[in-house]
Amino acid sequence: MLTMHRTRKRSVLTACVSTCLAAATFLFLPDLWVSEQSARASSAHGTVNHSQYRYVVTRGTAESSMPAPHGGKENLDHHGFRFFCVPSHFSYNDPVVYPGQEGAAHLHLFFGNTDVDAHSTSESIATSGRTTCDGGITNRSAYWVPALFNEQGEVVLPTVINLYYKSWVTDRRQIKPIPAGLQILTNDKVKGSSGVVVSTVDEELWRATIRVFDHDGVTIEIKFPDCVAVNKDGSPVLTSPGGSKHVAYSSGRCPLSHPYLIPQLTQTIHWSDVPFDSDWYLSSDMMKKAPKGTTAHADYMAGWTEKSAQIMADCVKEGYRECGPGLQKHAADQFFSPDGQRVYDFFKIAEGVTSTPDALKGWPHMLPGHH
């Protein structure tokens, strides 16, 4: 279900999002790109070197810090496993939907594992790549979403990326660790989804699984499914064609068709430099010729270590106030480009760094020859 509401009303979601956005940061990098002229020349000659279309934002870290439960369990509403990420790179790949097909997808913003490309697999990300998320390589998971373009057609870096895992099922004892290698495409087609809503009205937003709203700029909140189908031996199904059929949303409990319960991931991504009422769009909106924001979705490949995944599951099961890794412990790596330029500062783009990198100007929502 896709719904778009243009009613102008200040969202009460401010209280929720302010808490998340008051603790997030992002980075931009200068020197690794294909120039606008080069990109146009390739397109004009009818051939595109897909592997060249990768713009690196930050270098990530190879360090690690193990998460640990702390805080009380007195208020279940406050529980959660929280952390922040900064952008890793942009590319036209999607190893969940188009595995092995370079340049086949619309333009994506990647964060987390730095090595993700069209050929990445559940096995490869578990043992390779740095990461641009808090906690370092205890979490080599890969996350990606459609790139956001402003009304001038420029790709925009997000200001903040906040992730957290929680659960609201009736029987929390059933929660299991996220299985290594789990792949998910989250969109309005997933079993149990309540759809995508683009609005400034709280009453319309709260019921949505994917919310696109105004909070001093464009904010997208995406809830991932928390129930997984199982094989005959009871093990979780790690993927399915298209990335969605093997997962579902809980409603108090998991459906019988997808009985394996995991902590639920929620992503909040904020672009403070993009007015909500302007003519911005997602790369996937252009691909489907849809109203702005209504094609919002996200992909995920799980790359947690066995120990960190267990800590997260126990944290969410027990309802600890906080269990995530220490925030910004690896900022010396996370906030810098491969050539050493500072791109992000604590919870904001670094001073003097543009949110619309010149290197990405002229990049289309999708490469020629793909649909």
Protein backbone atom coordinates (compact mmCIF):
# COMPACT_ATOMS: atom_id res chain seq x y z
CA MET A 1 0.00 0.00 0.00
CA LEU A 2 1.38 3.38 -1.05
CA THR A 3 -0.11 6.52 0.41
CA MET A 4 0.94 10.12 -0.07
CA HIS A 5 -0.52 12.99 1.94
CA ARG A 6 0.51 16.60 1.41
CA THR A 7 -1.41 18.09 4.34
CA ARG A 8 0.76 20.69 6.07
CA LYS A 9 0.74 19.89 9.76
CA ARG A 10 3.70 19.82 12.14
CA SER A 11 4.46 16.22 13.09
CA VAL A 12 4.51 15.08 16.70
CA LEU A 13 7.08 12.56 15.51
CA THR A 14 9.51 15.36 16.35
CA ALA A 15 9.84 14.07 19.88
CA CYS A 16 10.83 10.58 18.73
CA VAL A 17 13.10 11.68 15.93
CA SER A 18 14.79 14.43 17.90
CA THR A 19 16.07 11.79 20.30
CA CYS A 20 17.54 9.80 17.43
CA LEU A 21 18.88 12.71 15.45
CA ALA A 22 20.43 14.34 18.48
CA ALA A 23 23.07 11.64 18.31
CA ALA A 24 24.01 10.99 14.68
CA THR A 25 26.79 11.85 12.19
CA PHE A 26 27.75 11.60 8.51
CA LEU A 27 30.70 11.97 6.23
CA PHE A 28 31.62 12.96 2.67
CA LEU A 29 34.74 12.09 0.73
CA PRO A 30 36.35 13.85 -2.21
CA ASP A 31 38.70 11.95 -4.44
CA LEU A 32 37.27 8.59 -5.55
CA TRP A 33 34.81 9.09 -8.36
CA VAL A 34 34.11 9.02 -12.08
CA SER A 35 33.81 12.55 -13.43
CA GLU A 36 30.60 13.87 -14.91
CA GLN A 37 32.32 14.25 -18.27
CA SER A 38 33.62 10.69 -18.19
CA ALA A 39 30.22 9.33 -17.25
CA ARG A 40 28.53 11.20 -20.07
CA ALA A 41 31.19 10.09 -22.56
CA SER A 42 30.67 6.44 -21.68
CA SER A 43 26.92 6.80 -22.02
CA ALA A 44 27.23 8.64 -25.33
CA HIS A 45 29.26 5.80 -26.83
CA GLY A 46 26.67 3.25 -25.76
CA THR A 47 28.90 1.45 -23.24
CA VAL A 48 29.08 1.91 -19.50
CA ASN A 49 31.82 0.62 -17.23
CA HIS A 50 29.57 -0.30 -14.33
CA SER A 51 32.43 -0.93 -11.94
CA GLN A 52 33.54 2.72 -12.30
CA TYR A 53 30.26 3.99 -10.87
CA ARG A 54 31.25 3.70 -7.24
CA TYR A 55 31.75 6.85 -5.19
CA VAL A 56 33.41 6.27 -1.82
CA VAL A 57 32.36 8.59 1.01
CA THR A 58 34.22 7.27 4.07
CA ARG A 59 36.86 4.61 4.64
CA GLY A 60 35.31 2.77 7.58
CA THR A 61 37.14 1.06 10.42
CA ALA A 62 38.74 -2.35 10.89
CA GLU A 63 38.63 -1.96 14.69
CA SER A 64 35.91 -3.46 16.86
CA SER A 65 34.10 -2.83 20.14
CA MET A 66 31.79 -5.44 21.59
CA PRO A 67 28.28 -4.32 22.62
CA ALA A 68 27.29 -4.75 26.26
CA PRO A 69 23.99 -4.35 28.16
CA HIS A 70 23.75 -1.36 30.47
CA GLY A 71 21.03 0.72 32.00
CA GLY A 72 17.98 -0.59 33.77
CA LYS A 73 14.98 -2.64 32.61
CA GLU A 74 12.36 -0.55 34.39
CA ASN A 75 10.62 0.80 31.28
CA LEU A 76 10.14 -1.52 28.31
CA ASP A 77 9.30 1.44 26.06
CA HIS A 78 12.90 2.63 26.38
CA HIS A 79 14.66 -0.64 25.59
CA GLY A 80 16.84 -1.06 22.53
CA PHE A 81 20.12 -1.83 20.84
CA ARG A 82 21.17 1.45 19.21
CA PHE A 83 24.04 2.68 17.08
CA PHE A 84 24.90 5.10 14.27
CA CYS A 85 26.47 4.78 10.85
CA VAL A 86 27.89 7.14 8.24
CA PRO A 87 27.72 6.60 4.46
CA SER A 88 30.22 4.18 2.95
CA HIS A 89 29.66 4.60 -0.79
CA PHE A 90 27.21 5.09 -3.65
CA SER A 91 26.79 2.61 -6.50
CA TYR A 92 24.24 1.13 -8.91
CA ASN A 93 24.44 -2.35 -7.36
CA ASP A 94 22.02 -4.43 -5.31
CA PRO A 95 23.34 -7.89 -4.38
CA VAL A 96 20.00 -8.92 -2.86
CA VAL A 97 17.73 -8.07 -5.81
CA TYR A 98 20.29 -8.25 -8.65
CA PRO A 99 23.01 -10.62 -7.41
CA GLY A 100 26.03 -10.68 -9.70
CA GLN A 101 24.64 -8.00 -12.04
CA GLU A 102 26.85 -4.92 -11.97
CA GLY A 103 25.08 -1.60 -12.50
CA ALA A 104 21.61 -3.18 -12.77
CA ALA A 105 19.92 -1.23 -9.94
CA HIS A 106 18.96 2.38 -9.35
CA LEU A 107 21.53 4.44 -7.45
CA HIS A 108 21.92 3.33 -3.83
CA LEU A 109 23.45 4.84 -0.72
CA PHE A 110 25.38 2.15 1.21
CA PHE A 111 26.43 2.17 4.86
CA GLY A 112 28.03 -0.47 7.04
CA ASN A 113 30.25 -2.94 5.18
CA THR A 114 32.58 -1.05 2.84
CA ASP A 115 33.26 -3.89 0.40
CA VAL A 116 29.71 -4.51 -0.81
CA ASP A 117 29.25 -4.76 -4.56
CA ALA A 118 27.07 -6.69 -7.01
CA HIS A 119 28.94 -9.91 -6.27
CA SER A 120 28.73 -9.77 -2.47
CA THR A 121 27.22 -12.79 -0.74
CA SER A 122 26.22 -13.67 2.80
CA GLU A 123 29.50 -15.53 3.14
CA SER A 124 31.73 -12.80 1.73
CA ILE A 125 30.51 -9.95 3.94
CA ALA A 126 30.96 -12.00 7.12
CA THR A 127 34.72 -12.17 6.68
CA SER A 128 35.66 -9.12 4.60
CA GLY A 129 35.27 -5.36 4.54
CA ARG A 130 35.65 -2.55 7.01
CA THR A 131 32.53 -0.88 8.40
CA THR A 132 31.19 2.65 8.76
CA CYS A 133 28.96 1.80 11.74
CA ASP A 134 29.51 2.00 15.49
CA GLY A 135 30.90 -1.20 16.96
CA GLY A 136 33.28 -1.76 14.09
CA ILE A 137 33.66 -5.22 12.61
CA THR A 138 31.62 -6.95 15.31
CA ASN A 139 28.95 -5.90 12.79
CA ARG A 140 29.96 -6.34 9.15
CA SER A 141 26.34 -6.08 8.07
CA ALA A 142 25.56 -4.19 4.87
CA TYR A 143 22.70 -1.70 4.60
CA TRP A 144 21.53 0.27 1.57
CA VAL A 145 18.67 2.56 0.53
CA PRO A 146 17.75 4.52 -2.63
CA ALA A 147 19.81 7.65 -3.13
CA LEU A 148 18.00 10.94 -2.52
CA PHE A 149 18.18 13.75 -5.11
CA ASN A 150 17.27 17.36 -4.38
CA GLU A 151 15.12 19.46 -6.71
CA GLN A 152 18.24 20.49 -8.65
CA GLY A 153 18.84 16.81 -9.45
CA GLU A 154 21.88 16.56 -7.15
CA VAL A 155 22.63 13.51 -4.99
CA VAL A 156 22.53 14.54 -1.32
CA LEU A 157 24.47 13.06 1.60
CA PRO A 158 22.34 12.33 4.68
CA THR A 159 23.01 14.22 7.88
CA VAL A 160 22.26 11.36 10.26
CA ILE A 161 21.76 7.58 10.06
CA ASN A 162 20.42 6.01 13.24
CA LEU A 163 19.72 2.28 13.62
CA TYR A 164 18.15 0.39 16.49
CA TYR A 165 16.82 -3.07 17.25
CA LYS A 166 13.77 -3.62 19.47
CA SER A 167 10.81 -5.98 19.77
CA TRP A 168 7.16 -5.54 20.68
CA VAL A 169 5.93 -9.14 20.53
CA THR A 170 3.82 -10.59 23.33
CA ASP A 171 6.22 -13.42 24.23
CA ARG A 172 9.76 -12.06 24.12
CA ARG A 173 11.21 -15.41 25.19
CA GLN A 174 10.91 -16.55 21.56
CA ILE A 175 13.45 -14.00 20.28
CA LYS A 176 16.46 -15.58 18.59
CA PRO A 177 19.73 -14.06 17.34
CA ILE A 178 19.75 -12.67 13.81
CA PRO A 179 21.18 -15.50 11.70
CA ALA A 180 24.45 -14.80 9.91
CA GLY A 181 23.86 -14.18 6.22
CA LEU A 182 20.18 -13.22 6.47
CA GLN A 183 19.19 -11.07 3.47
CA ILE A 184 16.14 -8.79 3.42
CA LEU A 185 14.50 -6.37 1.00
CA THR A 186 12.05 -4.28 3.00
CA ASN A 187 9.21 -2.68 1.04
CA ASP A 188 5.43 -2.41 1.04
CA LYS A 189 5.11 -5.91 -0.48
CA VAL A 190 6.45 -7.79 2.57
CA LYS A 191 3.84 -9.99 4.31
CA GLY A 192 2.18 -7.98 7.10
CA SER A 193 3.44 -4.58 5.93
CA SER A 194 1.18 -1.59 6.53
CA GLY A 195 2.72 0.24 3.60
CA VAL A 196 4.57 3.44 2.82
CA VAL A 197 3.12 6.78 3.93
CA VAL A 198 4.49 10.19 2.92
CA SER A 199 2.89 12.82 5.13
CA THR A 200 3.22 15.57 7.72
CA VAL A 201 0.26 14.33 9.76
CA ASP A 202 0.99 12.12 12.78
CA GLU A 203 -2.25 10.18 12.61
CA GLU A 204 -1.43 9.09 9.07
CA LEU A 205 2.20 8.26 9.77
CA TRP A 206 1.96 6.15 12.91
CA ARG A 207 0.25 3.23 11.21
CA ALA A 208 2.83 2.95 8.44
CA THR A 209 5.69 0.47 8.27
CA ILE A 210 7.74 2.94 6.22
CA ARG A 211 7.30 6.61 7.13
CA VAL A 212 8.50 9.59 5.10
CA PHE A 213 7.99 12.89 6.90
CA ASP A 214 9.19 16.42 7.64
CA HIS A 215 11.57 16.93 10.54
CA ASP A 216 13.59 20.01 9.63
CA GLY A 217 14.23 18.32 6.31
CA VAL A 218 13.37 14.94 4.84
CA THR A 219 13.34 11.99 7.24
CA ILE A 220 12.68 8.35 6.31
CA GLU A 221 11.99 5.72 8.96
CA ILE A 222 11.98 2.09 7.83
CA LYS A 223 10.91 -0.83 10.01
CA PHE A 224 12.23 -4.20 8.89
CA PRO A 225 10.31 -7.48 9.16
CA ASP A 226 11.12 -9.51 12.28
CA CYS A 227 9.79 -12.96 11.35
CA VAL A 228 11.62 -15.45 9.12
CA ALA A 229 10.45 -18.61 7.36
CA VAL A 230 12.20 -21.88 8.29
CA ASN A 231 13.49 -24.93 6.46
CA LYS A 232 12.30 -28.45 7.25
CA ASP A 233 15.01 -28.78 9.89
CA GLY A 234 13.82 -25.59 11.62
CA SER A 235 16.75 -23.44 10.47
CA PRO A 236 15.91 -19.96 9.16
CA VAL A 237 15.59 -19.35 5.42
CA LEU A 238 18.28 -16.78 4.64
CA THR A 239 16.99 -15.41 1.33
CA SER A 240 14.43 -15.77 -1.44
CA PRO A 241 14.08 -14.49 -5.02
CA GLY A 242 13.61 -10.72 -4.71
CA GLY A 243 14.59 -10.77 -1.04
CA SER A 244 11.14 -10.49 0.57
CA LYS A 245 9.11 -13.71 0.50
CA HIS A 246 11.03 -15.44 3.31
CA VAL A 247 10.31 -12.64 5.83
CA ALA A 248 7.18 -11.17 7.43
CA TYR A 249 6.10 -8.69 10.11
CA SER A 250 4.92 -9.76 13.53
CA SER A 251 1.61 -8.60 14.98
CA GLY A 252 1.92 -9.59 18.60
CA ARG A 253 3.52 -12.80 17.37
CA CYS A 254 4.99 -14.19 14.17
CA PRO A 255 2.67 -15.77 11.59
CA LEU A 256 2.82 -19.58 11.37
CA SER A 257 4.32 -19.25 7.90
CA HIS A 258 7.31 -17.33 9.30
CA PRO A 259 7.83 -18.56 12.88
CA TYR A 260 11.48 -17.60 13.49
CA LEU A 261 11.44 -14.37 15.58
CA ILE A 262 14.40 -11.95 15.53
CA PRO A 263 14.97 -8.41 16.90
CA GLN A 264 13.32 -5.82 14.67
CA LEU A 265 15.61 -3.35 12.91
CA THR A 266 14.46 0.24 12.42
CA GLN A 267 16.46 2.74 10.35
CA THR A 268 16.01 6.50 10.59
CA ILE A 269 17.78 8.52 7.87
CA HIS A 270 17.69 12.32 7.85
CA TRP A 271 18.62 14.87 5.16
CA SER A 272 18.64 18.29 6.86
CA ASP A 273 19.62 20.14 3.65
CA VAL A 274 16.53 19.04 1.73
CA PRO A 275 13.27 20.93 2.47
CA PHE A 276 10.41 18.45 2.70
CA ASP A 277 8.13 20.62 0.55
CA SER A 278 10.68 20.91 -2.27
CA ASP A 279 10.71 18.67 -5.36
CA TRP A 280 13.19 16.10 -4.07
CA TYR A 281 12.92 12.45 -5.10
CA LEU A 282 14.42 9.01 -4.52
CA SER A 283 16.22 7.17 -7.31
CA SER A 284 13.53 4.48 -7.10
CA ASP A 285 10.77 7.10 -7.47
CA MET A 286 12.19 8.10 -10.84
CA MET A 287 12.58 4.49 -11.89
CA LYS A 288 8.88 3.82 -11.25
CA LYS A 289 7.69 7.34 -12.16
CA ALA A 290 6.09 7.51 -8.72
CA PRO A 291 5.35 10.47 -6.40
CA LYS A 292 8.29 11.47 -4.24
CA GLY A 293 9.11 9.14 -1.39
CA THR A 294 6.41 6.57 -2.14
CA THR A 295 8.90 3.91 -3.28
CA ALA A 296 11.01 4.12 -0.10
CA HIS A 297 12.56 0.76 0.80
CA ALA A 298 15.78 -0.71 2.17
CA ASP A 299 18.05 -3.75 1.84
CA TYR A 300 20.06 -5.62 4.44
CA MET A 301 22.66 -8.39 4.59
CA ALA A 302 23.37 -9.54 8.15
CA GLY A 303 27.03 -9.73 9.11
CA TRP A 304 27.02 -9.77 12.92
CA THR A 305 29.51 -11.97 14.72
CA GLU A 306 27.90 -14.86 16.58
CA LYS A 307 28.72 -13.30 19.95
CA SER A 308 27.42 -9.81 19.11
CA ALA A 309 24.21 -11.24 17.61
CA GLN A 310 23.61 -13.19 20.81
CA ILE A 311 24.23 -10.11 22.98
CA MET A 312 21.70 -8.17 20.89
CA ALA A 313 19.06 -10.91 21.13
CA ASP A 314 19.49 -11.20 24.90
CA CYS A 315 19.35 -7.43 25.29
CA VAL A 316 16.09 -7.11 23.38
CA LYS A 317 14.63 -10.19 25.05
CA GLU A 318 15.40 -8.85 28.53
CA GLY A 319 14.36 -5.29 27.70
CA TYR A 320 17.57 -3.50 28.70
CA ARG A 321 17.49 0.24 28.22
CA GLU A 322 20.66 0.17 26.14
CA CYS A 323 22.93 -2.57 24.80
CA GLY A 324 24.54 -1.15 21.70
CA PRO A 325 28.26 -0.66 21.10
CA GLY A 326 30.00 2.44 22.36
CA LEU A 327 29.11 5.36 20.09
CA GLN A 328 31.79 7.03 17.96
CA LYS A 329 34.63 4.94 19.41
CA HIS A 330 36.13 4.57 15.95
CA ALA A 331 35.53 8.11 14.69
CA ALA A 332 39.16 8.48 13.60
CA ASP A 333 38.40 5.97 10.85
CA GLN A 334 34.66 6.31 10.38
CA PHE A 335 34.57 10.07 9.79
CA PHE A 336 37.30 10.30 7.18
CA SER A 337 37.67 9.63 3.47
CA PRO A 338 40.29 7.13 2.25
CA ASP A 339 42.68 10.01 1.54
CA GLY A 340 42.32 11.41 5.06
CA GLN A 341 39.87 14.29 4.60
CA ARG A 342 37.36 14.69 7.38
CA VAL A 343 33.89 14.24 5.97
CA TYR A 344 31.72 13.92 9.08
CA ASP A 345 31.84 15.32 12.56
CA PHE A 346 29.87 14.15 15.55
CA PHE A 347 26.29 13.86 14.30
CA LYS A 348 26.70 16.20 11.37
CA ILE A 349 28.56 16.71 8.12
CA ALA A 350 31.95 18.28 8.81
CA GLU A 351 32.45 22.03 8.58
CA GLY A 352 33.25 23.12 5.03
CA VAL A 353 32.06 19.86 3.44
CA THR A 354 29.17 20.05 0.99
CA SER A 355 26.22 17.67 1.23
CA THR A 356 26.06 17.59 -2.59
CA PRO A 357 29.46 16.27 -3.73
CA ASP A 358 30.64 17.65 -7.07
CA ALA A 359 31.81 14.16 -7.99
CA LEU A 360 28.21 12.92 -8.03
CA LYS A 361 26.79 15.75 -10.12
CA GLY A 362 25.34 14.41 -13.35
CA TRP A 363 24.90 10.89 -12.03
CA PRO A 364 21.49 9.60 -13.16
CA HIS A 365 18.97 7.73 -11.03
CA MET A 366 19.80 4.63 -13.10
CA LEU A 367 22.42 3.75 -15.68
CA PRO A 368 21.45 3.51 -19.38
CA GLY A 369 20.03 0.20 -20.52
CA HIS A 370 18.44 -0.80 -17.19
CA HIS A 371 14.85 -0.62 -16.01
